[in-house]
């Protein structure tokens, strides 16, 4: 599956940033807390559109589910719970790994 479904939704609905409750594209971490996948979330209304590459099994998929916080999606192939890391925690982890 190719990523890009969220881009298609943005173009199709002609969405402007202020019309989205949430939109992010982040690295996802595996069980060893290593960045190994991606998760992109676009929340419009009460629906979250999600594209991900599972950090455990590398399965790539698109899903739609109710938008609520804290947000996560389960991999359709292996069942791994993929969450959206908090930006501050992610930046701290990446800074520590770089030094």
PDB file of N, CA and C in Angstrom:
ATOM      1  N   UNK A   1       0.842  -1.178   0.000  1.00  0.00           N
ATOM      2  CA  UNK A   1       0.000   0.000   0.000  1.00  0.00           C
ATOM      3  C   UNK A   1       0.884   1.235   0.000  1.00  0.00           C
ATOM      4  N   UNK A   2       0.567   2.185  -0.827  1.00  0.00           N
ATOM      5  CA  UNK A   2       1.336   3.418  -0.844  1.00  0.00           C
ATOM      6  C   UNK A   2       0.691   4.441   0.096  1.00  0.00           C
ATOM      7  N   UNK A   3       1.550   5.182   0.761  1.00  0.00           N
ATOM      8  CA  UNK A   3       1.062   6.241   1.627  1.00  0.00           C
ATOM      9  C   UNK A   3       0.605   7.384   0.732  1.00  0.00           C
ATOM     10  N   UNK A   4      -0.298   8.181   1.221  1.00  0.00           N
ATOM     11  CA  UNK A   4      -0.776   9.311   0.433  1.00  0.00           C
ATOM     12  C   UNK A   4      -2.276   9.477   0.516  1.00  0.00           C
ATOM     13  N   UNK A   5      -2.951   8.568   1.184  1.00  0.00           N
ATOM     14  CA  UNK A   5      -4.403   8.646   1.323  1.00  0.00           C
ATOM     15  C   UNK A   5      -4.809   9.942   2.031  1.00  0.00           C
ATOM     16  N   UNK A   6      -4.062  10.334   3.058  1.00  0.00           N
ATOM     17  CA  UNK A   6      -4.387  11.571   3.771  1.00  0.00           C
ATOM     18  C   UNK A   6      -4.205  12.775   2.853  1.00  0.00           C
ATOM     19  N   UNK A   7      -3.155  12.773   2.035  1.00  0.00           N
ATOM     20  CA  UNK A   7      -2.985  13.853   1.059  1.00  0.00           C
ATOM     21  C   UNK A   7      -4.181  13.921   0.122  1.00  0.00           C
ATOM     22  N   UNK A   8      -4.667  12.767  -0.315  1.00  0.00           N
ATOM     23  CA  UNK A   8      -5.841  12.718  -1.188  1.00  0.00           C
ATOM     24  C   UNK A   8      -7.076  13.299  -0.498  1.00  0.00           C
ATOM     25  N   UNK A   9      -7.261  12.990   0.790  1.00  0.00           N
ATOM     26  CA  UNK A   9      -8.408  13.503   1.545  1.00  0.00           C
ATOM     27  C   UNK A   9      -8.322  15.022   1.666  1.00  0.00           C
ATOM     28  N   UNK A  10      -7.136  15.541   1.953  1.00  0.00           N
ATOM     29  CA  UNK A  10      -6.945  16.991   2.084  1.00  0.00           C
ATOM     30  C   UNK A  10      -7.292  17.687   0.772  1.00  0.00           C
ATOM     31  N   UNK A  11      -6.824  17.136  -0.349  1.00  0.00           N
ATOM     32  CA  UNK A  11      -7.108  17.726  -1.661  1.00  0.00           C
ATOM     33  C   UNK A  11      -8.581  17.606  -2.015  1.00  0.00           C
ATOM     34  N   UNK A  12      -9.155  16.416  -1.801  1.00  0.00           N
ATOM     35  CA  UNK A  12     -10.550  16.167  -2.158  1.00  0.00           C
ATOM     36  C   UNK A  12     -11.511  17.076  -1.395  1.00  0.00           C
ATOM     37  N   UNK A  13     -11.269  17.235  -0.094  1.00  0.00           N
ATOM     38  CA  UNK A  13     -12.157  18.049   0.744  1.00  0.00           C
ATOM     39  C   UNK A  13     -11.729  19.515   0.796  1.00  0.00           C
ATOM     40  N   UNK A  14     -10.606  19.829   0.119  1.00  0.00           N
ATOM     41  CA  UNK A  14     -10.056  21.181   0.111  1.00  0.00           C
ATOM     42  C   UNK A  14      -9.922  21.728   1.533  1.00  0.00           C
ATOM     43  N   UNK A  15      -9.332  20.900   2.394  1.00  0.00           N
ATOM     44  CA  UNK A  15      -9.210  21.248   3.810  1.00  0.00           C
ATOM     45  C   UNK A  15      -8.168  22.332   4.034  1.00  0.00           C
ATOM     46  N   UNK A  16      -8.492  23.249   4.913  1.00  0.00           N
ATOM     47  CA  UNK A  16      -7.577  24.282   5.372  1.00  0.00           C
ATOM     48  C   UNK A  16      -7.120  23.886   6.775  1.00  0.00           C
ATOM     49  N   UNK A  17      -5.935  24.321   7.206  1.00  0.00           N
ATOM     50  CA  UNK A  17      -5.439  23.926   8.528  1.00  0.00           C
ATOM     51  C   UNK A  17      -6.424  24.191   9.674  1.00  0.00           C
ATOM     52  N   UNK A  18      -7.123  25.304   9.647  1.00  0.00           N
ATOM     53  CA  UNK A  18      -8.039  25.626  10.740  1.00  0.00           C
ATOM     54  C   UNK A  18      -9.276  24.718  10.781  1.00  0.00           C
ATOM     55  N   UNK A  19      -9.483  23.919   9.732  1.00  0.00           N
ATOM     56  CA  UNK A  19     -10.629  23.004   9.688  1.00  0.00           C
ATOM     57  C   UNK A  19     -10.298  21.631  10.293  1.00  0.00           C
ATOM     58  N   UNK A  20      -9.061  21.427  10.669  1.00  0.00           N
ATOM     59  CA  UNK A  20      -8.619  20.145  11.228  1.00  0.00           C
ATOM     60  C   UNK A  20      -8.449  20.277  12.738  1.00  0.00           C
ATOM     61  N   UNK A  21      -8.906  19.270  13.473  1.00  0.00           N
ATOM     62  CA  UNK A  21      -8.699  19.264  14.913  1.00  0.00           C
ATOM     63  C   UNK A  21      -7.240  18.929  15.237  1.00  0.00           C
ATOM     64  N   UNK A  22      -6.633  18.094  14.386  1.00  0.00           N
ATOM     65  CA  UNK A  22      -5.277  17.624  14.657  1.00  0.00           C
ATOM     66  C   UNK A  22      -4.683  17.088  13.372  1.00  0.00           C
ATOM     67  N   UNK A  23      -3.388  17.330  13.181  1.00  0.00           N
ATOM     68  CA  UNK A  23      -2.689  16.776  12.020  1.00  0.00           C
ATOM     69  C   UNK A  23      -1.215  16.652  12.380  1.00  0.00           C
ATOM     70  N   UNK A  24      -0.678  15.453  12.261  1.00  0.00           N
ATOM     71  CA  UNK A  24       0.731  15.237  12.564  1.00  0.00           C
ATOM     72  C   UNK A  24       1.296  14.102  11.721  1.00  0.00           C
ATOM     73  N   UNK A  25       2.594  14.102  11.589  1.00  0.00           N
ATOM     74  CA  UNK A  25       3.322  13.039  10.891  1.00  0.00           C
ATOM     75  C   UNK A  25       4.577  12.773  11.712  1.00  0.00           C
ATOM     76  N   UNK A  26       4.639  11.642  12.381  1.00  0.00           N
ATOM     77  CA  UNK A  26       5.724  11.367  13.320  1.00  0.00           C
ATOM     78  C   UNK A  26       6.353   9.997  13.094  1.00  0.00           C
ATOM     79  N   UNK A  27       7.535   9.836  13.650  1.00  0.00           N
ATOM     80  CA  UNK A  27       8.190   8.526  13.702  1.00  0.00           C
ATOM     81  C   UNK A  27       7.510   7.734  14.810  1.00  0.00           C
ATOM     82  N   UNK A  28       7.350   6.458  14.608  1.00  0.00           N
ATOM     83  CA  UNK A  28       6.781   5.576  15.627  1.00  0.00           C
ATOM     84  C   UNK A  28       7.888   4.684  16.154  1.00  0.00           C
ATOM     85  N   UNK A  29       7.765   4.304  17.424  1.00  0.00           N
ATOM     86  CA  UNK A  29       8.802   3.480  18.047  1.00  0.00           C
ATOM     87  C   UNK A  29       8.316   2.051  18.260  1.00  0.00           C
ATOM     88  N   UNK A  30       9.271   1.122  18.241  1.00  0.00           N
ATOM     89  CA  UNK A  30       8.956  -0.289  18.455  1.00  0.00           C
ATOM     90  C   UNK A  30       9.055  -0.641  19.939  1.00  0.00           C
ATOM     91  N   UNK A  31       8.949  -1.926  20.246  1.00  0.00           N
ATOM     92  CA  UNK A  31       9.011  -2.377  21.648  1.00  0.00           C
ATOM     93  C   UNK A  31      10.343  -2.058  22.321  1.00  0.00           C
ATOM     94  N   UNK A  32      11.390  -1.917  21.524  1.00  0.00           N
ATOM     95  CA  UNK A  32      12.716  -1.585  22.065  1.00  0.00           C
ATOM     96  C   UNK A  32      12.907  -0.070  22.181  1.00  0.00           C
ATOM     97  N   UNK A  33      11.817   0.682  21.947  1.00  0.00           N
ATOM     98  CA  UNK A  33      11.812   2.140  22.015  1.00  0.00           C
ATOM     99  C   UNK A  33      12.728   2.774  20.962  1.00  0.00           C
ATOM    100  N   UNK A  34      12.866   2.089  19.817  1.00  0.00           N
ATOM    101  CA  UNK A  34      13.672   2.592  18.711  1.00  0.00           C
ATOM    102  C   UNK A  34      12.740   3.062  17.593  1.00  0.00           C
ATOM    103  N   UNK A  35      13.023   4.218  16.980  1.00  0.00           N
ATOM    104  CA  UNK A  35      12.190   4.661  15.863  1.00  0.00           C
ATOM    105  C   UNK A  35      12.339   3.701  14.689  1.00  0.00           C
ATOM    106  N   UNK A  36      11.226   3.144  14.253  1.00  0.00           N
ATOM    107  CA  UNK A  36      11.297   2.152  13.181  1.00  0.00           C
ATOM    108  C   UNK A  36      10.124   2.240  12.218  1.00  0.00           C
ATOM    109  N   UNK A  37       9.152   3.085  12.486  1.00  0.00           N
ATOM    110  CA  UNK A  37       7.977   3.204  11.621  1.00  0.00           C
ATOM    111  C   UNK A  37       7.508   4.642  11.602  1.00  0.00           C
ATOM    112  N   UNK A  38       6.341   4.858  11.014  1.00  0.00           N
ATOM    113  CA  UNK A  38       5.749   6.193  10.922  1.00  0.00           C
ATOM    114  C   UNK A  38       4.271   6.116  11.245  1.00  0.00           C
ATOM    115  N   UNK A  39       3.726   7.243  11.716  1.00  0.00           N
ATOM    116  CA  UNK A  39       2.292   7.368  11.893  1.00  0.00           C
ATOM    117  C   UNK A  39       1.905   8.791  11.501  1.00  0.00           C
ATOM    118  N   UNK A  40       0.898   8.896  10.670  1.00  0.00           N
ATOM    119  CA  UNK A  40       0.362  10.190  10.257  1.00  0.00           C
ATOM    120  C   UNK A  40      -1.120  10.180  10.603  1.00  0.00           C
ATOM    121  N   UNK A  41      -1.550  11.223  11.289  1.00  0.00           N
ATOM    122  CA  UNK A  41      -2.936  11.315  11.735  1.00  0.00           C
ATOM    123  C   UNK A  41      -3.524  12.644  11.279  1.00  0.00           C
ATOM    124  N   UNK A  42      -4.720  12.587  10.692  1.00  0.00           N
ATOM    125  CA  UNK A  42      -5.490  13.767  10.336  1.00  0.00           C
ATOM    126  C   UNK A  42      -6.855  13.601  10.973  1.00  0.00           C
ATOM    127  N   UNK A  43      -7.169  14.481  11.933  1.00  0.00           N
ATOM    128  CA  UNK A  43      -8.469  14.423  12.597  1.00  0.00           C
ATOM    129  C   UNK A  43      -9.340  15.541  12.058  1.00  0.00           C
ATOM    130  N   UNK A  44     -10.466  15.147  11.479  1.00  0.00           N
ATOM    131  CA  UNK A  44     -11.445  16.094  10.957  1.00  0.00           C
ATOM    132  C   UNK A  44     -12.775  15.721  11.596  1.00  0.00           C
ATOM    133  N   UNK A  45     -13.346  16.672  12.345  1.00  0.00           N
ATOM    134  CA  UNK A  45     -14.560  16.346  13.079  1.00  0.00           C
ATOM    135  C   UNK A  45     -14.220  15.311  14.138  1.00  0.00           C
ATOM    136  N   UNK A  46     -15.006  14.264  14.203  1.00  0.00           N
ATOM    137  CA  UNK A  46     -14.735  13.225  15.206  1.00  0.00           C
ATOM    138  C   UNK A  46     -14.117  11.977  14.597  1.00  0.00           C
ATOM    139  N   UNK A  47     -13.569  12.112  13.372  1.00  0.00           N
ATOM    140  CA  UNK A  47     -12.943  10.975  12.681  1.00  0.00           C
ATOM    141  C   UNK A  47     -11.448  11.220  12.499  1.00  0.00           C
ATOM    142  N   UNK A  48     -10.660  10.229  12.863  1.00  0.00           N
ATOM    143  CA  UNK A  48      -9.214  10.276  12.637  1.00  0.00           C
ATOM    144  C   UNK A  48      -8.872   9.400  11.440  1.00  0.00           C
ATOM    145  N   UNK A  49      -8.187   9.985  10.478  1.00  0.00           N
ATOM    146  CA  UNK A  49      -7.676   9.259   9.315  1.00  0.00           C
ATOM    147  C   UNK A  49      -6.216   8.967   9.644  1.00  0.00           C
ATOM    148  N   UNK A  50      -5.824   7.701   9.541  1.00  0.00           N
ATOM    149  CA  UNK A  50      -4.493   7.291   9.991  1.00  0.00           C
ATOM    150  C   UNK A  50      -3.774   6.498   8.903  1.00  0.00           C
ATOM    151  N   UNK A  51      -2.545   6.893   8.631  1.00  0.00           N
ATOM    152  CA  UNK A  51      -1.650   6.113   7.774  1.00  0.00           C
ATOM    153  C   UNK A  51      -0.468   5.731   8.660  1.00  0.00           C
ATOM    154  N   UNK A  52      -0.052   4.492   8.568  1.00  0.00           N
ATOM    155  CA  UNK A  52       1.070   4.082   9.405  1.00  0.00           C
ATOM    156  C   UNK A  52       1.887   2.994   8.744  1.00  0.00           C
ATOM    157  N   UNK A  53       3.146   2.942   9.173  1.00  0.00           N
ATOM    158  CA  UNK A  53       4.029   1.814   8.912  1.00  0.00           C
ATOM    159  C   UNK A  53       4.381   1.296  10.293  1.00  0.00           C
ATOM    160  N   UNK A  54       3.979   0.075  10.580  1.00  0.00           N
ATOM    161  CA  UNK A  54       4.164  -0.498  11.913  1.00  0.00           C
ATOM    162  C   UNK A  54       5.654  -0.610  12.239  1.00  0.00           C
ATOM    163  N   UNK A  55       6.068  -0.119  13.399  1.00  0.00           N
ATOM    164  CA  UNK A  55       7.475  -0.216  13.781  1.00  0.00           C
ATOM    165  C   UNK A  55       7.898  -1.624  14.186  1.00  0.00           C
ATOM    166  N   UNK A  56       6.955  -2.528  14.348  1.00  0.00           N
ATOM    167  CA  UNK A  56       7.278  -3.911  14.719  1.00  0.00           C
ATOM    168  C   UNK A  56       7.369  -4.830  13.502  1.00  0.00           C
ATOM    169  N   UNK A  57       6.366  -4.758  12.628  1.00  0.00           N
ATOM    170  CA  UNK A  57       6.325  -5.717  11.507  1.00  0.00           C
ATOM    171  C   UNK A  57       6.436  -5.067  10.128  1.00  0.00           C
ATOM    172  N   UNK A  58       6.538  -3.735  10.066  1.00  0.00           N
ATOM    173  CA  UNK A  58       6.677  -2.962   8.824  1.00  0.00           C
ATOM    174  C   UNK A  58       5.434  -2.983   7.938  1.00  0.00           C
ATOM    175  N   UNK A  59       4.305  -3.442   8.470  1.00  0.00           N
ATOM    176  CA  UNK A  59       3.048  -3.433   7.713  1.00  0.00           C
ATOM    177  C   UNK A  59       2.607  -1.981   7.514  1.00  0.00           C
ATOM    178  N   UNK A  60       2.197  -1.636   6.306  1.00  0.00           N
ATOM    179  CA  UNK A  60       1.724  -0.294   5.985  1.00  0.00           C
ATOM    180  C   UNK A  60       0.229  -0.357   5.742  1.00  0.00           C
ATOM    181  N   UNK A  61      -0.512   0.582   6.361  1.00  0.00           N
ATOM    182  CA  UNK A  61      -1.966   0.542   6.227  1.00  0.00           C
ATOM    183  C   UNK A  61      -2.578   1.920   6.439  1.00  0.00           C
ATOM    184  N   UNK A  62      -3.861   1.999   6.095  1.00  0.00           N
ATOM    185  CA  UNK A  62      -4.685   3.184   6.315  1.00  0.00           C
ATOM    186  C   UNK A  62      -5.874   2.741   7.157  1.00  0.00           C
ATOM    187  N   UNK A  63      -6.274   3.585   8.101  1.00  0.00           N
ATOM    188  CA  UNK A  63      -7.435   3.262   8.934  1.00  0.00           C
ATOM    189  C   UNK A  63      -8.201   4.533   9.258  1.00  0.00           C
ATOM    190  N   UNK A  64      -9.480   4.363   9.552  1.00  0.00           N
ATOM    191  CA  UNK A  64     -10.303   5.449  10.063  1.00  0.00           C
ATOM    192  C   UNK A  64     -10.899   4.965  11.366  1.00  0.00           C
ATOM    193  N   UNK A  65     -10.871   5.821  12.371  1.00  0.00           N
ATOM    194  CA  UNK A  65     -11.434   5.457  13.664  1.00  0.00           C
ATOM    195  C   UNK A  65     -11.835   6.736  14.393  1.00  0.00           C
ATOM    196  N   UNK A  66     -12.600   6.604  15.470  1.00  0.00           N
ATOM    197  CA  UNK A  66     -12.998   7.805  16.215  1.00  0.00           C
ATOM    198  C   UNK A  66     -11.785   8.562  16.752  1.00  0.00           C
ATOM    199  N   UNK A  67     -11.867   9.889  16.710  1.00  0.00           N
ATOM    200  CA  UNK A  67     -10.794  10.727  17.218  1.00  0.00           C
ATOM    201  C   UNK A  67     -11.000  10.961  18.703  1.00  0.00           C
ATOM    202  N   UNK A  68     -10.044  10.517  19.500  1.00  0.00           N
ATOM    203  CA  UNK A  68     -10.053  10.769  20.930  1.00  0.00           C
ATOM    204  C   UNK A  68      -8.636  10.720  21.443  1.00  0.00           C
ATOM    205  N   UNK A  69      -8.387  11.415  22.558  1.00  0.00           N
ATOM    206  CA  UNK A  69      -7.067  11.456  23.163  1.00  0.00           C
ATOM    207  C   UNK A  69      -7.060  10.628  24.427  1.00  0.00           C
ATOM    208  N   UNK A  70      -6.029   9.934  24.803  1.00  0.00           N
ATOM    209  CA  UNK A  70      -4.817   9.754  24.006  1.00  0.00           C
ATOM    210  C   UNK A  70      -5.103   8.882  22.786  1.00  0.00           C
ATOM    211  N   UNK A  71      -4.394   9.135  21.723  1.00  0.00           N
ATOM    212  CA  UNK A  71      -4.673   8.462  20.453  1.00  0.00           C
ATOM    213  C   UNK A  71      -3.674   7.344  20.191  1.00  0.00           C
ATOM    214  N   UNK A  72      -4.202   6.242  19.684  1.00  0.00           N
ATOM    215  CA  UNK A  72      -3.362   5.143  19.210  1.00  0.00           C
ATOM    216  C   UNK A  72      -4.152   4.343  18.195  1.00  0.00           C
ATOM    217  N   UNK A  73      -3.433   3.539  17.432  1.00  0.00           N
ATOM    218  CA  UNK A  73      -4.040   2.627  16.465  1.00  0.00           C
ATOM    219  C   UNK A  73      -3.323   1.287  16.610  1.00  0.00           C
ATOM    220  N   UNK A  74      -4.055   0.212  16.419  1.00  0.00           N
ATOM    221  CA  UNK A  74      -3.434  -1.118  16.465  1.00  0.00           C
ATOM    222  C   UNK A  74      -3.138  -1.571  15.050  1.00  0.00           C
ATOM    223  N   UNK A  75      -1.949  -2.124  14.862  1.00  0.00           N
ATOM    224  CA  UNK A  75      -1.545  -2.637  13.559  1.00  0.00           C
ATOM    225  C   UNK A  75      -2.513  -3.737  13.131  1.00  0.00           C
ATOM    226  N   UNK A  76      -2.987  -3.645  11.908  1.00  0.00           N
ATOM    227  CA  UNK A  76      -3.938  -4.629  11.388  1.00  0.00           C
ATOM    228  C   UNK A  76      -3.293  -5.998  11.190  1.00  0.00           C
ATOM    229  N   UNK A  77      -1.970  -6.041  11.102  1.00  0.00           N
ATOM    230  CA  UNK A  77      -1.290  -7.315  10.867  1.00  0.00           C
ATOM    231  C   UNK A  77      -0.846  -7.996  12.171  1.00  0.00           C
ATOM    232  N   UNK A  78      -0.126  -7.260  13.025  1.00  0.00           N
ATOM    233  CA  UNK A  78       0.437  -7.899  14.225  1.00  0.00           C
ATOM    234  C   UNK A  78      -0.230  -7.472  15.535  1.00  0.00           C
ATOM    235  N   UNK A  79      -1.078  -6.438  15.482  1.00  0.00           N
ATOM    236  CA  UNK A  79      -1.781  -5.990  16.679  1.00  0.00           C
ATOM    237  C   UNK A  79      -0.996  -5.051  17.571  1.00  0.00           C
ATOM    238  N   UNK A  80       0.221  -4.643  17.164  1.00  0.00           N
ATOM    239  CA  UNK A  80       1.036  -3.734  17.973  1.00  0.00           C
ATOM    240  C   UNK A  80       0.327  -2.387  18.115  1.00  0.00           C
ATOM    241  N   UNK A  81       0.320  -1.850  19.313  1.00  0.00           N
ATOM    242  CA  UNK A  81      -0.319  -0.569  19.611  1.00  0.00           C
ATOM    243  C   UNK A  81       0.642   0.562  19.242  1.00  0.00           C
ATOM    244  N   UNK A  82       0.292   1.327  18.219  1.00  0.00           N
ATOM    245  CA  UNK A  82       1.112   2.427  17.739  1.00  0.00           C
ATOM    246  C   UNK A  82       0.509   3.726  18.260  1.00  0.00           C
ATOM    247  N   UNK A  83       1.275   4.442  19.067  1.00  0.00           N
ATOM    248  CA  UNK A  83       0.771   5.699  19.609  1.00  0.00           C
ATOM    249  C   UNK A  83       1.521   6.865  18.979  1.00  0.00           C
ATOM    250  N   UNK A  84       0.945   8.054  19.148  1.00  0.00           N
ATOM    251  CA  UNK A  84       1.588   9.267  18.665  1.00  0.00           C
ATOM    252  C   UNK A  84       2.427   9.806  19.821  1.00  0.00           C
ATOM    253  N   UNK A  85       3.746   9.809  19.675  1.00  0.00           N
ATOM    254  CA  UNK A  85       4.582  10.290  20.775  1.00  0.00           C
ATOM    255  C   UNK A  85       4.397  11.788  20.997  1.00  0.00           C
ATOM    256  N   UNK A  86       4.480  12.216  22.253  1.00  0.00           N
ATOM    257  CA  UNK A  86       4.410  13.645  22.553  1.00  0.00           C
ATOM    258  C   UNK A  86       5.668  14.294  22.003  1.00  0.00           C
ATOM    259  N   UNK A  87       5.510  15.454  21.385  1.00  0.00           N
ATOM    260  CA  UNK A  87       6.629  16.111  20.711  1.00  0.00           C
ATOM    261  C   UNK A  87       7.797  16.388  21.651  1.00  0.00           C
ATOM    262  N   UNK A  88       7.517  16.855  22.857  1.00  0.00           N
ATOM    263  CA  UNK A  88       8.588  17.183  23.790  1.00  0.00           C
ATOM    264  C   UNK A  88       9.376  15.929  24.169  1.00  0.00           C
ATOM    265  N   UNK A  89       8.672  14.850  24.461  1.00  0.00           N
ATOM    266  CA  UNK A  89       9.334  13.595  24.825  1.00  0.00           C
ATOM    267  C   UNK A  89      10.120  13.039  23.646  1.00  0.00           C
ATOM    268  N   UNK A  90       9.557  13.148  22.455  1.00  0.00           N
ATOM    269  CA  UNK A  90      10.243  12.650  21.265  1.00  0.00           C
ATOM    270  C   UNK A  90      11.518  13.460  21.005  1.00  0.00           C
ATOM    271  N   UNK A  91      11.451  14.778  21.126  1.00  0.00           N
ATOM    272  CA  UNK A  91      12.620  15.625  20.905  1.00  0.00           C
ATOM    273  C   UNK A  91      13.717  15.313  21.930  1.00  0.00           C
ATOM    274  N   UNK A  92      13.327  15.102  23.169  1.00  0.00           N
ATOM    275  CA  UNK A  92      14.295  14.769  24.223  1.00  0.00           C
ATOM    276  C   UNK A  92      14.975  13.436  23.929  1.00  0.00           C
ATOM    277  N   UNK A  93      14.183  12.435  23.506  1.00  0.00           N
ATOM    278  CA  UNK A  93      14.719  11.107  23.197  1.00  0.00           C
ATOM    279  C   UNK A  93      15.687  11.183  22.013  1.00  0.00           C
ATOM    280  N   UNK A  94      15.325  11.956  20.970  1.00  0.00           N
ATOM    281  CA  UNK A  94      16.172  12.075  19.788  1.00  0.00           C
ATOM    282  C   UNK A  94      17.464  12.824  20.110  1.00  0.00           C
ATOM    283  N   UNK A  95      17.370  13.838  20.967  1.00  0.00           N
ATOM    284  CA  UNK A  95      18.550  14.595  21.385  1.00  0.00           C
ATOM    285  C   UNK A  95      19.512  13.713  22.168  1.00  0.00           C
ATOM    286  N   UNK A  96      18.962  12.886  23.047  1.00  0.00           N
ATOM    287  CA  UNK A  96      19.781  11.987  23.855  1.00  0.00           C
ATOM    288  C   UNK A  96      20.466  10.943  22.970  1.00  0.00           C
ATOM    289  N   UNK A  97      19.748  10.441  21.974  1.00  0.00           N
ATOM    290  CA  UNK A  97      20.300   9.436  21.070  1.00  0.00           C
ATOM    291  C   UNK A  97      21.417  10.021  20.205  1.00  0.00           C
ATOM    292  N   UNK A  98      21.294  11.297  19.868  1.00  0.00           N
ATOM    293  CA  UNK A  98      22.304  11.941  19.013  1.00  0.00           C
ATOM    294  C   UNK A  98      23.600  12.240  19.759  1.00  0.00           C
ATOM    295  N   UNK A  99      23.515  12.370  21.092  1.00  0.00           N
ATOM    296  CA  UNK A  99      24.745  12.710  21.843  1.00  0.00           C
ATOM    297  C   UNK A  99      25.472  11.510  22.383  1.00  0.00           C
TER     298      UNK A  99
END
